[in-house]
């Protein structure tokens, strides 16, 4: 993405190592932070563990027929690719790019620099 430097974190040696529930959502950790990894339509997505609205655990939700993750509390829906709230409430779901290289699964997170990201 333009203007962003990613640090890639390996979350699994193979996609099958992730513990996907029946809803195709797994939980893993990156830099000590829980995140969700989801499979849908032969794609893999990474997004926040908790819903930005009321903190519902998104791994307890489900993926609808259009490929949106649905929060189990209030049924708010988020596009897993861009984080947009598609049910109209105006929230934004934190998400990260995912790459699979040599069968391993990597999540890219922004490089955090010093003051406002300018200094390292």
PDB file of N, CA and C in Angstrom:
ATOM      1  N   UNK A   1       0.836  -1.188   0.000  1.00  0.00           N
ATOM      2  CA  UNK A   1       0.000   0.000   0.000  1.00  0.00           C
ATOM      3  C   UNK A   1       0.872   1.240   0.000  1.00  0.00           C
ATOM      4  N   UNK A   2       0.406   2.249  -0.641  1.00  0.00           N
ATOM      5  CA  UNK A   2       1.145   3.494  -0.727  1.00  0.00           C
ATOM      6  C   UNK A   2       1.332   4.123   0.652  1.00  0.00           C
ATOM      7  N   UNK A   3       2.559   4.537   0.944  1.00  0.00           N
ATOM      8  CA  UNK A   3       2.839   5.243   2.186  1.00  0.00           C
ATOM      9  C   UNK A   3       2.929   4.358   3.413  1.00  0.00           C
ATOM     10  N   UNK A   4       2.863   3.071   3.247  1.00  0.00           N
ATOM     11  CA  UNK A   4       2.915   2.198   4.424  1.00  0.00           C
ATOM     12  C   UNK A   4       4.049   1.204   4.268  1.00  0.00           C
ATOM     13  N   UNK A   5       4.773   1.029   5.341  1.00  0.00           N
ATOM     14  CA  UNK A   5       5.802   0.001   5.391  1.00  0.00           C
ATOM     15  C   UNK A   5       5.291  -1.105   6.286  1.00  0.00           C
ATOM     16  N   UNK A   6       5.301  -2.311   5.768  1.00  0.00           N
ATOM     17  CA  UNK A   6       4.817  -3.447   6.538  1.00  0.00           C
ATOM     18  C   UNK A   6       5.970  -4.291   7.047  1.00  0.00           C
ATOM     19  N   UNK A   7       5.791  -4.791   8.232  1.00  0.00           N
ATOM     20  CA  UNK A   7       6.655  -5.828   8.767  1.00  0.00           C
ATOM     21  C   UNK A   7       5.815  -7.092   8.727  1.00  0.00           C
ATOM     22  N   UNK A   8       6.333  -8.130   8.076  1.00  0.00           N
ATOM     23  CA  UNK A   8       5.578  -9.361   7.895  1.00  0.00           C
ATOM     24  C   UNK A   8       5.866 -10.323   9.032  1.00  0.00           C
ATOM     25  N   UNK A   9       4.802 -10.816   9.646  1.00  0.00           N
ATOM     26  CA  UNK A   9       4.901 -11.721  10.791  1.00  0.00           C
ATOM     27  C   UNK A   9       4.333 -13.082  10.389  1.00  0.00           C
ATOM     28  N   UNK A  10       5.124 -14.124  10.577  1.00  0.00           N
ATOM     29  CA  UNK A  10       4.655 -15.471  10.276  1.00  0.00           C
ATOM     30  C   UNK A  10       3.714 -15.923  11.394  1.00  0.00           C
ATOM     31  N   UNK A  11       2.496 -16.328  11.014  1.00  0.00           N
ATOM     32  CA  UNK A  11       1.534 -16.796  12.005  1.00  0.00           C
ATOM     33  C   UNK A  11       1.341 -18.307  11.945  1.00  0.00           C
ATOM     34  N   UNK A  12       1.795 -18.937  10.856  1.00  0.00           N
ATOM     35  CA  UNK A  12       1.695 -20.398  10.740  1.00  0.00           C
ATOM     36  C   UNK A  12       2.607 -20.874   9.615  1.00  0.00           C
ATOM     37  N   UNK A  13       3.141 -22.076   9.771  1.00  0.00           N
ATOM     38  CA  UNK A  13       3.952 -22.676   8.715  1.00  0.00           C
ATOM     39  C   UNK A  13       3.081 -23.163   7.558  1.00  0.00           C
ATOM     40  N   UNK A  14       1.807 -23.402   7.838  1.00  0.00           N
ATOM     41  CA  UNK A  14       0.850 -23.839   6.820  1.00  0.00           C
ATOM     42  C   UNK A  14      -0.549 -23.411   7.275  1.00  0.00           C
ATOM     43  N   UNK A  15      -1.416 -23.100   6.321  1.00  0.00           N
ATOM     44  CA  UNK A  15      -2.766 -22.648   6.652  1.00  0.00           C
ATOM     45  C   UNK A  15      -3.508 -23.664   7.523  1.00  0.00           C
ATOM     46  N   UNK A  16      -3.209 -24.954   7.346  1.00  0.00           N
ATOM     47  CA  UNK A  16      -3.894 -25.988   8.119  1.00  0.00           C
ATOM     48  C   UNK A  16      -3.483 -26.019   9.583  1.00  0.00           C
ATOM     49  N   UNK A  17      -2.414 -25.312   9.948  1.00  0.00           N
ATOM     50  CA  UNK A  17      -1.997 -25.244  11.349  1.00  0.00           C
ATOM     51  C   UNK A  17      -2.887 -24.308  12.169  1.00  0.00           C
ATOM     52  N   UNK A  18      -3.583 -23.413  11.499  1.00  0.00           N
ATOM     53  CA  UNK A  18      -4.477 -22.496  12.207  1.00  0.00           C
ATOM     54  C   UNK A  18      -5.737 -23.253  12.604  1.00  0.00           C
ATOM     55  N   UNK A  19      -6.219 -22.970  13.796  1.00  0.00           N
ATOM     56  CA  UNK A  19      -7.361 -23.696  14.355  1.00  0.00           C
ATOM     57  C   UNK A  19      -8.658 -23.007  13.942  1.00  0.00           C
ATOM     58  N   UNK A  20      -9.100 -23.276  12.707  1.00  0.00           N
ATOM     59  CA  UNK A  20     -10.331 -22.673  12.212  1.00  0.00           C
ATOM     60  C   UNK A  20     -11.529 -23.384  12.820  1.00  0.00           C
ATOM     61  N   UNK A  21     -12.453 -22.605  13.336  1.00  0.00           N
ATOM     62  CA  UNK A  21     -13.706 -23.153  13.867  1.00  0.00           C
ATOM     63  C   UNK A  21     -14.637 -23.441  12.689  1.00  0.00           C
ATOM     64  N   UNK A  22     -15.820 -23.920  12.981  1.00  0.00           N
ATOM     65  CA  UNK A  22     -16.804 -24.202  11.935  1.00  0.00           C
ATOM     66  C   UNK A  22     -17.166 -22.954  11.133  1.00  0.00           C
ATOM     67  N   UNK A  23     -16.935 -21.785  11.706  1.00  0.00           N
ATOM     68  CA  UNK A  23     -17.260 -20.530  11.032  1.00  0.00           C
ATOM     69  C   UNK A  23     -16.112 -20.015  10.156  1.00  0.00           C
ATOM     70  N   UNK A  24     -15.039 -20.801   9.998  1.00  0.00           N
ATOM     71  CA  UNK A  24     -13.863 -20.441   9.188  1.00  0.00           C
ATOM     72  C   UNK A  24     -13.093 -19.238   9.728  1.00  0.00           C
ATOM     73  N   UNK A  25     -13.162 -19.012  11.032  1.00  0.00           N
ATOM     74  CA  UNK A  25     -12.414 -17.943  11.683  1.00  0.00           C
ATOM     75  C   UNK A  25     -11.527 -18.563  12.758  1.00  0.00           C
ATOM     76  N   UNK A  26     -10.239 -18.216  12.706  1.00  0.00           N
ATOM     77  CA  UNK A  26      -9.277 -18.687  13.702  1.00  0.00           C
ATOM     78  C   UNK A  26      -8.739 -17.482  14.465  1.00  0.00           C
ATOM     79  N   UNK A  27      -8.192 -17.734  15.642  1.00  0.00           N
ATOM     80  CA  UNK A  27      -7.566 -16.687  16.445  1.00  0.00           C
ATOM     81  C   UNK A  27      -6.087 -17.011  16.557  1.00  0.00           C
ATOM     82  N   UNK A  28      -5.259 -15.988  16.374  1.00  0.00           N
ATOM     83  CA  UNK A  28      -3.818 -16.141  16.530  1.00  0.00           C
ATOM     84  C   UNK A  28      -3.282 -14.876  17.191  1.00  0.00           C
ATOM     85  N   UNK A  29      -1.985 -14.851  17.444  1.00  0.00           N
ATOM     86  CA  UNK A  29      -1.367 -13.666  18.053  1.00  0.00           C
ATOM     87  C   UNK A  29      -0.248 -13.148  17.179  1.00  0.00           C
ATOM     88  N   UNK A  30      -0.164 -11.826  17.091  1.00  0.00           N
ATOM     89  CA  UNK A  30       0.924 -11.142  16.412  1.00  0.00           C
ATOM     90  C   UNK A  30       1.393 -10.033  17.347  1.00  0.00           C
ATOM     91  N   UNK A  31       2.673 -10.041  17.668  1.00  0.00           N
ATOM     92  CA  UNK A  31       3.246  -9.038  18.562  1.00  0.00           C
ATOM     93  C   UNK A  31       2.480  -8.960  19.889  1.00  0.00           C
ATOM     94  N   UNK A  32       2.056 -10.112  20.412  1.00  0.00           N
ATOM     95  CA  UNK A  32       1.340 -10.169  21.680  1.00  0.00           C
ATOM     96  C   UNK A  32      -0.103  -9.718  21.618  1.00  0.00           C
ATOM     97  N   UNK A  33      -0.632  -9.538  20.414  1.00  0.00           N
ATOM     98  CA  UNK A  33      -1.996  -9.041  20.233  1.00  0.00           C
ATOM     99  C   UNK A  33      -2.836 -10.096  19.513  1.00  0.00           C
ATOM    100  N   UNK A  34      -4.022 -10.407  20.056  1.00  0.00           N
ATOM    101  CA  UNK A  34      -4.912 -11.360  19.406  1.00  0.00           C
ATOM    102  C   UNK A  34      -5.520 -10.733  18.161  1.00  0.00           C
ATOM    103  N   UNK A  35      -5.536 -11.521  17.086  1.00  0.00           N
ATOM    104  CA  UNK A  35      -6.204 -11.114  15.851  1.00  0.00           C
ATOM    105  C   UNK A  35      -6.965 -12.310  15.298  1.00  0.00           C
ATOM    106  N   UNK A  36      -7.846 -12.048  14.363  1.00  0.00           N
ATOM    107  CA  UNK A  36      -8.588 -13.111  13.689  1.00  0.00           C
ATOM    108  C   UNK A  36      -8.009 -13.333  12.292  1.00  0.00           C
ATOM    109  N   UNK A  37      -7.981 -14.591  11.897  1.00  0.00           N
ATOM    110  CA  UNK A  37      -7.643 -14.978  10.531  1.00  0.00           C
ATOM    111  C   UNK A  37      -8.865 -15.722  10.004  1.00  0.00           C
ATOM    112  N   UNK A  38      -9.339 -15.331   8.829  1.00  0.00           N
ATOM    113  CA  UNK A  38     -10.533 -15.963   8.275  1.00  0.00           C
ATOM    114  C   UNK A  38     -10.269 -16.477   6.868  1.00  0.00           C
ATOM    115  N   UNK A  39     -10.940 -17.580   6.546  1.00  0.00           N
ATOM    116  CA  UNK A  39     -10.908 -18.135   5.188  1.00  0.00           C
ATOM    117  C   UNK A  39     -12.296 -17.973   4.595  1.00  0.00           C
ATOM    118  N   UNK A  40     -12.320 -17.467   3.378  1.00  0.00           N
ATOM    119  CA  UNK A  40     -13.590 -17.360   2.666  1.00  0.00           C
ATOM    120  C   UNK A  40     -13.309 -17.310   1.175  1.00  0.00           C
ATOM    121  N   UNK A  41     -14.000 -18.136   0.423  1.00  0.00           N
ATOM    122  CA  UNK A  41     -13.918 -18.112  -1.033  1.00  0.00           C
ATOM    123  C   UNK A  41     -12.475 -18.202  -1.527  1.00  0.00           C
ATOM    124  N   UNK A  42     -11.703 -19.114  -0.949  1.00  0.00           N
ATOM    125  CA  UNK A  42     -10.305 -19.365  -1.300  1.00  0.00           C
ATOM    126  C   UNK A  42      -9.391 -18.161  -1.042  1.00  0.00           C
ATOM    127  N   UNK A  43      -9.801 -17.254  -0.158  1.00  0.00           N
ATOM    128  CA  UNK A  43      -8.981 -16.120   0.248  1.00  0.00           C
ATOM    129  C   UNK A  43      -8.773 -16.181   1.752  1.00  0.00           C
ATOM    130  N   UNK A  44      -7.716 -15.484   2.215  1.00  0.00           N
ATOM    131  CA  UNK A  44      -7.417 -15.428   3.643  1.00  0.00           C
ATOM    132  C   UNK A  44      -7.359 -13.967   4.058  1.00  0.00           C
ATOM    133  N   UNK A  45      -7.970 -13.644   5.199  1.00  0.00           N
ATOM    134  CA  UNK A  45      -8.056 -12.277   5.692  1.00  0.00           C
ATOM    135  C   UNK A  45      -7.599 -12.213   7.149  1.00  0.00           C
ATOM    136  N   UNK A  46      -7.085 -11.060   7.544  1.00  0.00           N
ATOM    137  CA  UNK A  46      -6.709 -10.824   8.939  1.00  0.00           C
ATOM    138  C   UNK A  46      -7.405  -9.546   9.394  1.00  0.00           C
ATOM    139  N   UNK A  47      -8.009  -9.612  10.584  1.00  0.00           N
ATOM    140  CA  UNK A  47      -8.718  -8.445  11.107  1.00  0.00           C
ATOM    141  C   UNK A  47      -8.746  -8.494  12.628  1.00  0.00           C
ATOM    142  N   UNK A  48      -9.218  -7.404  13.219  1.00  0.00           N
ATOM    143  CA  UNK A  48      -9.230  -7.243  14.671  1.00  0.00           C
ATOM    144  C   UNK A  48     -10.007  -8.354  15.366  1.00  0.00           C
ATOM    145  N   UNK A  49      -9.585  -8.664  16.567  1.00  0.00           N
ATOM    146  CA  UNK A  49     -10.217  -9.689  17.396  1.00  0.00           C
ATOM    147  C   UNK A  49     -11.576  -9.221  17.915  1.00  0.00           C
ATOM    148  N   UNK A  50     -11.679  -7.914  18.206  1.00  0.00           N
ATOM    149  CA  UNK A  50     -12.910  -7.358  18.784  1.00  0.00           C
ATOM    150  C   UNK A  50     -13.572  -6.382  17.821  1.00  0.00           C
ATOM    151  N   UNK A  51     -14.891  -6.367  17.860  1.00  0.00           N
ATOM    152  CA  UNK A  51     -15.681  -5.437  17.065  1.00  0.00           C
ATOM    153  C   UNK A  51     -15.444  -4.009  17.578  1.00  0.00           C
ATOM    154  N   UNK A  52     -15.265  -3.047  16.680  1.00  0.00           N
ATOM    155  CA  UNK A  52     -15.041  -1.667  17.130  1.00  0.00           C
ATOM    156  C   UNK A  52     -16.270  -1.017  17.760  1.00  0.00           C
ATOM    157  N   UNK A  53     -17.436  -1.601  17.599  1.00  0.00           N
ATOM    158  CA  UNK A  53     -18.646  -1.020  18.169  1.00  0.00           C
ATOM    159  C   UNK A  53     -18.758  -1.270  19.672  1.00  0.00           C
ATOM    160  N   UNK A  54     -18.833  -2.533  20.077  1.00  0.00           N
ATOM    161  CA  UNK A  54     -19.055  -2.830  21.497  1.00  0.00           C
ATOM    162  C   UNK A  54     -18.131  -3.925  22.020  1.00  0.00           C
ATOM    163  N   UNK A  55     -17.081  -4.226  21.262  1.00  0.00           N
ATOM    164  CA  UNK A  55     -16.082  -5.178  21.738  1.00  0.00           C
ATOM    165  C   UNK A  55     -16.459  -6.642  21.627  1.00  0.00           C
ATOM    166  N   UNK A  56     -17.457  -6.957  20.820  1.00  0.00           N
ATOM    167  CA  UNK A  56     -17.819  -8.358  20.613  1.00  0.00           C
ATOM    168  C   UNK A  56     -16.655  -9.130  20.003  1.00  0.00           C
ATOM    169  N   UNK A  57     -16.498 -10.377  20.397  1.00  0.00           N
ATOM    170  CA  UNK A  57     -15.411 -11.204  19.882  1.00  0.00           C
ATOM    171  C   UNK A  57     -15.793 -11.695  18.487  1.00  0.00           C
ATOM    172  N   UNK A  58     -15.103 -11.197  17.480  1.00  0.00           N
ATOM    173  CA  UNK A  58     -15.473 -11.513  16.107  1.00  0.00           C
ATOM    174  C   UNK A  58     -15.260 -12.981  15.757  1.00  0.00           C
ATOM    175  N   UNK A  59     -14.359 -13.656  16.457  1.00  0.00           N
ATOM    176  CA  UNK A  59     -14.163 -15.088  16.223  1.00  0.00           C
ATOM    177  C   UNK A  59     -15.400 -15.889  16.625  1.00  0.00           C
ATOM    178  N   UNK A  60     -16.281 -15.302  17.431  1.00  0.00           N
ATOM    179  CA  UNK A  60     -17.528 -15.952  17.820  1.00  0.00           C
ATOM    180  C   UNK A  60     -18.664 -15.626  16.855  1.00  0.00           C
ATOM    181  N   UNK A  61     -18.378 -14.770  15.870  1.00  0.00           N
ATOM    182  CA  UNK A  61     -19.384 -14.401  14.875  1.00  0.00           C
ATOM    183  C   UNK A  61     -19.379 -15.386  13.725  1.00  0.00           C
ATOM    184  N   UNK A  62     -19.713 -14.883  12.536  1.00  0.00           N
ATOM    185  CA  UNK A  62     -19.729 -15.755  11.360  1.00  0.00           C
ATOM    186  C   UNK A  62     -19.461 -14.921  10.113  1.00  0.00           C
ATOM    187  N   UNK A  63     -19.238 -15.614   9.009  1.00  0.00           N
ATOM    188  CA  UNK A  63     -19.042 -14.964   7.719  1.00  0.00           C
ATOM    189  C   UNK A  63     -20.318 -15.167   6.922  1.00  0.00           C
ATOM    190  N   UNK A  64     -20.916 -14.064   6.460  1.00  0.00           N
ATOM    191  CA  UNK A  64     -22.181 -14.180   5.730  1.00  0.00           C
ATOM    192  C   UNK A  64     -21.943 -14.615   4.280  1.00  0.00           C
ATOM    193  N   UNK A  65     -23.013 -14.762   3.531  1.00  0.00           N
ATOM    194  CA  UNK A  65     -22.929 -15.252   2.152  1.00  0.00           C
ATOM    195  C   UNK A  65     -22.164 -14.317   1.225  1.00  0.00           C
ATOM    196  N   UNK A  66     -22.035 -13.047   1.602  1.00  0.00           N
ATOM    197  CA  UNK A  66     -21.308 -12.079   0.778  1.00  0.00           C
ATOM    198  C   UNK A  66     -19.844 -11.933   1.200  1.00  0.00           C
ATOM    199  N   UNK A  67     -19.438 -12.674   2.223  1.00  0.00           N
ATOM    200  CA  UNK A  67     -18.042 -12.617   2.660  1.00  0.00           C
ATOM    201  C   UNK A  67     -17.755 -11.547   3.690  1.00  0.00           C
ATOM    202  N   UNK A  68     -18.761 -11.090   4.403  1.00  0.00           N
ATOM    203  CA  UNK A  68     -18.573 -10.107   5.475  1.00  0.00           C
ATOM    204  C   UNK A  68     -18.521 -10.832   6.809  1.00  0.00           C
ATOM    205  N   UNK A  69     -17.648 -10.363   7.704  1.00  0.00           N
ATOM    206  CA  UNK A  69     -17.651 -10.926   9.051  1.00  0.00           C
ATOM    207  C   UNK A  69     -18.761 -10.220   9.834  1.00  0.00           C
ATOM    208  N   UNK A  70     -19.527 -11.002  10.596  1.00  0.00           N
ATOM    209  CA  UNK A  70     -20.684 -10.487  11.325  1.00  0.00           C
ATOM    210  C   UNK A  70     -20.427 -10.641  12.821  1.00  0.00           C
ATOM    211  N   UNK A  71     -20.517  -9.536  13.551  1.00  0.00           N
ATOM    212  CA  UNK A  71     -20.300  -9.554  14.994  1.00  0.00           C
ATOM    213  C   UNK A  71     -21.443 -10.312  15.684  1.00  0.00           C
ATOM    214  N   UNK A  72     -21.115 -11.144  16.666  1.00  0.00           N
ATOM    215  CA  UNK A  72     -22.165 -11.923  17.331  1.00  0.00           C
ATOM    216  C   UNK A  72     -23.084 -11.100  18.239  1.00  0.00           C
ATOM    217  N   UNK A  73     -22.656  -9.897  18.658  1.00  0.00           N
ATOM    218  CA  UNK A  73     -23.484  -9.114  19.585  1.00  0.00           C
ATOM    219  C   UNK A  73     -24.640  -8.377  18.915  1.00  0.00           C
ATOM    220  N   UNK A  74     -24.323  -7.487  17.990  1.00  0.00           N
ATOM    221  CA  UNK A  74     -25.362  -6.647  17.390  1.00  0.00           C
ATOM    222  C   UNK A  74     -25.500  -6.853  15.887  1.00  0.00           C
ATOM    223  N   UNK A  75     -24.797  -7.859  15.358  1.00  0.00           N
ATOM    224  CA  UNK A  75     -24.872  -8.239  13.940  1.00  0.00           C
ATOM    225  C   UNK A  75     -24.333  -7.164  12.997  1.00  0.00           C
ATOM    226  N   UNK A  76     -23.428  -6.313  13.482  1.00  0.00           N
ATOM    227  CA  UNK A  76     -22.769  -5.369  12.590  1.00  0.00           C
ATOM    228  C   UNK A  76     -21.894  -6.156  11.638  1.00  0.00           C
ATOM    229  N   UNK A  77     -21.855  -5.734  10.368  1.00  0.00           N
ATOM    230  CA  UNK A  77     -21.128  -6.464   9.331  1.00  0.00           C
ATOM    231  C   UNK A  77     -19.968  -5.626   8.812  1.00  0.00           C
ATOM    232  N   UNK A  78     -18.841  -6.317   8.552  1.00  0.00           N
ATOM    233  CA  UNK A  78     -17.633  -5.649   8.067  1.00  0.00           C
ATOM    234  C   UNK A  78     -17.057  -6.404   6.884  1.00  0.00           C
ATOM    235  N   UNK A  79     -16.657  -5.656   5.875  1.00  0.00           N
ATOM    236  CA  UNK A  79     -15.949  -6.225   4.735  1.00  0.00           C
ATOM    237  C   UNK A  79     -14.568  -6.638   5.217  1.00  0.00           C
ATOM    238  N   UNK A  80     -14.197  -7.900   5.061  1.00  0.00           N
ATOM    239  CA  UNK A  80     -12.927  -8.392   5.592  1.00  0.00           C
ATOM    240  C   UNK A  80     -11.730  -7.880   4.798  1.00  0.00           C
ATOM    241  N   UNK A  81     -11.953  -7.462   3.557  1.00  0.00           N
ATOM    242  CA  UNK A  81     -10.846  -6.988   2.723  1.00  0.00           C
ATOM    243  C   UNK A  81     -10.458  -5.549   3.027  1.00  0.00           C
ATOM    244  N   UNK A  82     -11.447  -4.676   3.255  1.00  0.00           N
ATOM    245  CA  UNK A  82     -11.124  -3.261   3.456  1.00  0.00           C
ATOM    246  C   UNK A  82     -11.564  -2.696   4.809  1.00  0.00           C
ATOM    247  N   UNK A  83     -12.235  -3.493   5.641  1.00  0.00           N
ATOM    248  CA  UNK A  83     -12.627  -3.059   6.978  1.00  0.00           C
ATOM    249  C   UNK A  83     -13.875  -2.197   7.048  1.00  0.00           C
ATOM    250  N   UNK A  84     -14.473  -1.900   5.919  1.00  0.00           N
ATOM    251  CA  UNK A  84     -15.648  -1.026   5.922  1.00  0.00           C
ATOM    252  C   UNK A  84     -16.852  -1.710   6.559  1.00  0.00           C
ATOM    253  N   UNK A  85     -17.572  -0.926   7.326  1.00  0.00           N
ATOM    254  CA  UNK A  85     -18.810  -1.381   7.937  1.00  0.00           C
ATOM    255  C   UNK A  85     -19.887  -1.348   6.844  1.00  0.00           C
ATOM    256  N   UNK A  86     -20.397  -2.515   6.455  1.00  0.00           N
ATOM    257  CA  UNK A  86     -21.344  -2.578   5.347  1.00  0.00           C
ATOM    258  C   UNK A  86     -22.802  -2.609   5.794  1.00  0.00           C
ATOM    259  N   UNK A  87     -23.042  -2.639   7.108  1.00  0.00           N
ATOM    260  CA  UNK A  87     -24.422  -2.618   7.582  1.00  0.00           C
ATOM    261  C   UNK A  87     -24.879  -1.205   7.935  1.00  0.00           C
ATOM    262  N   UNK A  88     -24.023  -0.197   7.713  1.00  0.00           N
ATOM    263  CA  UNK A  88     -24.446   1.192   7.783  1.00  0.00           C
ATOM    264  C   UNK A  88     -24.230   1.960   9.071  1.00  0.00           C
ATOM    265  N   UNK A  89     -23.550   1.384  10.061  1.00  0.00           N
ATOM    266  CA  UNK A  89     -23.383   2.082  11.333  1.00  0.00           C
ATOM    267  C   UNK A  89     -22.192   3.044  11.356  1.00  0.00           C
ATOM    268  N   UNK A  90     -21.299   2.947  10.367  1.00  0.00           N
ATOM    269  CA  UNK A  90     -20.193   3.896  10.256  1.00  0.00           C
ATOM    270  C   UNK A  90     -18.909   3.508  10.961  1.00  0.00           C
ATOM    271  N   UNK A  91     -18.796   2.305  11.452  1.00  0.00           N
ATOM    272  CA  UNK A  91     -17.565   1.876  12.120  1.00  0.00           C
ATOM    273  C   UNK A  91     -16.564   1.363  11.095  1.00  0.00           C
ATOM    274  N   UNK A  92     -15.332   1.184  11.535  1.00  0.00           N
ATOM    275  CA  UNK A  92     -14.261   0.692  10.673  1.00  0.00           C
ATOM    276  C   UNK A  92     -13.508  -0.401  11.414  1.00  0.00           C
ATOM    277  N   UNK A  93     -13.363  -1.557  10.791  1.00  0.00           N
ATOM    278  CA  UNK A  93     -12.683  -2.698  11.380  1.00  0.00           C
ATOM    279  C   UNK A  93     -11.212  -2.699  10.968  1.00  0.00           C
ATOM    280  N   UNK A  94     -10.327  -2.703  11.951  1.00  0.00           N
ATOM    281  CA  UNK A  94      -8.900  -2.781  11.677  1.00  0.00           C
ATOM    282  C   UNK A  94      -8.623  -4.103  10.962  1.00  0.00           C
ATOM    283  N   UNK A  95      -7.841  -4.039   9.898  1.00  0.00           N
ATOM    284  CA  UNK A  95      -7.514  -5.229   9.124  1.00  0.00           C
ATOM    285  C   UNK A  95      -6.085  -5.126   8.612  1.00  0.00           C
ATOM    286  N   UNK A  96      -5.517  -6.255   8.225  1.00  0.00           N
ATOM    287  CA  UNK A  96      -4.136  -6.308   7.762  1.00  0.00           C
ATOM    288  C   UNK A  96      -4.038  -7.195   6.544  1.00  0.00           C
ATOM    289  N   UNK A  97      -3.041  -6.941   5.680  1.00  0.00           N
ATOM    290  CA  UNK A  97      -2.847  -7.813   4.518  1.00  0.00           C
ATOM    291  C   UNK A  97      -2.296  -9.167   4.955  1.00  0.00           C
ATOM    292  N   UNK A  98      -2.633 -10.195   4.172  1.00  0.00           N
ATOM    293  CA  UNK A  98      -2.167 -11.558   4.426  1.00  0.00           C
ATOM    294  C   UNK A  98      -1.497 -12.061   3.156  1.00  0.00           C
ATOM    295  N   UNK A  99      -0.372 -12.715   3.329  1.00  0.00           N
ATOM    296  CA  UNK A  99       0.303 -13.357   2.201  1.00  0.00           C
ATOM    297  C   UNK A  99       0.646 -14.778   2.581  1.00  0.00           C
ATOM    298  N   UNK A 100       0.572 -15.660   1.598  1.00  0.00           N
ATOM    299  CA  UNK A 100       1.006 -17.036   1.793  1.00  0.00           C
ATOM    300  C   UNK A 100       2.209 -17.242   0.887  1.00  0.00           C
ATOM    301  N   UNK A 101       3.347 -17.541   1.508  1.00  0.00           N
ATOM    302  CA  UNK A 101       4.599 -17.759   0.777  1.00  0.00           C
ATOM    303  C   UNK A 101       5.183 -19.092   1.223  1.00  0.00           C
ATOM    304  N   UNK A 102       5.490 -19.944   0.258  1.00  0.00           N
ATOM    305  CA  UNK A 102       6.032 -21.267   0.560  1.00  0.00           C
ATOM    306  C   UNK A 102       5.167 -21.978   1.596  1.00  0.00           C
ATOM    307  N   UNK A 103       3.861 -21.867   1.435  1.00  0.00           N
ATOM    308  CA  UNK A 103       2.840 -22.471   2.292  1.00  0.00           C
ATOM    309  C   UNK A 103       2.678 -21.810   3.661  1.00  0.00           C
ATOM    310  N   UNK A 104       3.605 -20.942   4.072  1.00  0.00           N
ATOM    311  CA  UNK A 104       3.506 -20.265   5.368  1.00  0.00           C
ATOM    312  C   UNK A 104       2.568 -19.056   5.248  1.00  0.00           C
ATOM    313  N   UNK A 105       1.908 -18.716   6.361  1.00  0.00           N
ATOM    314  CA  UNK A 105       0.952 -17.614   6.399  1.00  0.00           C
ATOM    315  C   UNK A 105       1.591 -16.435   7.117  1.00  0.00           C
ATOM    316  N   UNK A 106       1.590 -15.265   6.470  1.00  0.00           N
ATOM    317  CA  UNK A 106       2.180 -14.047   7.016  1.00  0.00           C
ATOM    318  C   UNK A 106       1.131 -12.946   7.080  1.00  0.00           C
ATOM    319  N   UNK A 107       1.197 -12.144   8.139  1.00  0.00           N
ATOM    320  CA  UNK A 107       0.334 -10.974   8.293  1.00  0.00           C
ATOM    321  C   UNK A 107       1.234  -9.746   8.306  1.00  0.00           C
ATOM    322  N   UNK A 108       0.896  -8.747   7.492  1.00  0.00           N
ATOM    323  CA  UNK A 108       1.671  -7.508   7.423  1.00  0.00           C
ATOM    324  C   UNK A 108       1.094  -6.455   8.335  1.00  0.00           C
ATOM    325  N   UNK A 109       1.935  -5.916   9.211  1.00  0.00           N
ATOM    326  CA  UNK A 109       1.488  -4.844  10.107  1.00  0.00           C
ATOM    327  C   UNK A 109       2.379  -3.626   9.886  1.00  0.00           C
ATOM    328  N   UNK A 110       1.774  -2.464  10.076  1.00  0.00           N
ATOM    329  CA  UNK A 110       2.494  -1.226   9.868  1.00  0.00           C
ATOM    330  C   UNK A 110       3.711  -1.162  10.769  1.00  0.00           C
ATOM    331  N   UNK A 111       4.778  -0.639  10.204  1.00  0.00           N
ATOM    332  CA  UNK A 111       5.985  -0.417  10.984  1.00  0.00           C
ATOM    333  C   UNK A 111       5.740   0.779  11.886  1.00  0.00           C
ATOM    334  N   UNK A 112       5.972   0.598  13.173  1.00  0.00           N
ATOM    335  CA  UNK A 112       5.744   1.719  14.082  1.00  0.00           C
ATOM    336  C   UNK A 112       7.076   2.392  14.356  1.00  0.00           C
ATOM    337  N   UNK A 113       7.150   3.638  13.964  1.00  0.00           N
ATOM    338  CA  UNK A 113       8.363   4.412  14.169  1.00  0.00           C
ATOM    339  C   UNK A 113       8.256   5.254  15.419  1.00  0.00           C
ATOM    340  N   UNK A 114       9.157   6.184  15.558  1.00  0.00           N
ATOM    341  CA  UNK A 114       9.182   7.065  16.721  1.00  0.00           C
ATOM    342  C   UNK A 114       8.081   8.103  16.632  1.00  0.00           C
ATOM    343  N   UNK A 115       8.410   9.325  16.896  1.00  0.00           N
ATOM    344  CA  UNK A 115       7.475  10.434  16.918  1.00  0.00           C
ATOM    345  C   UNK A 115       6.664  10.509  15.627  1.00  0.00           C
ATOM    346  N   UNK A 116       5.369  10.248  15.721  1.00  0.00           N
ATOM    347  CA  UNK A 116       4.441  10.302  14.596  1.00  0.00           C
ATOM    348  C   UNK A 116       4.892   9.436  13.409  1.00  0.00           C
ATOM    349  N   UNK A 117       5.723   8.420  13.661  1.00  0.00           N
ATOM    350  CA  UNK A 117       6.181   7.566  12.597  1.00  0.00           C
ATOM    351  C   UNK A 117       7.327   8.139  11.783  1.00  0.00           C
ATOM    352  N   UNK A 118       7.796   9.353  12.136  1.00  0.00           N
ATOM    353  CA  UNK A 118       8.857   9.980  11.359  1.00  0.00           C
ATOM    354  C   UNK A 118      10.229   9.482  11.768  1.00  0.00           C
ATOM    355  N   UNK A 119      10.425   9.251  13.046  1.00  0.00           N
ATOM    356  CA  UNK A 119      11.728   8.864  13.554  1.00  0.00           C
ATOM    357  C   UNK A 119      11.723   7.379  13.894  1.00  0.00           C
ATOM    358  N   UNK A 120      12.868   6.760  13.711  1.00  0.00           N
ATOM    359  CA  UNK A 120      12.942   5.338  14.021  1.00  0.00           C
ATOM    360  C   UNK A 120      14.052   5.079  14.996  1.00  0.00           C
TER     361      UNK A 120
END
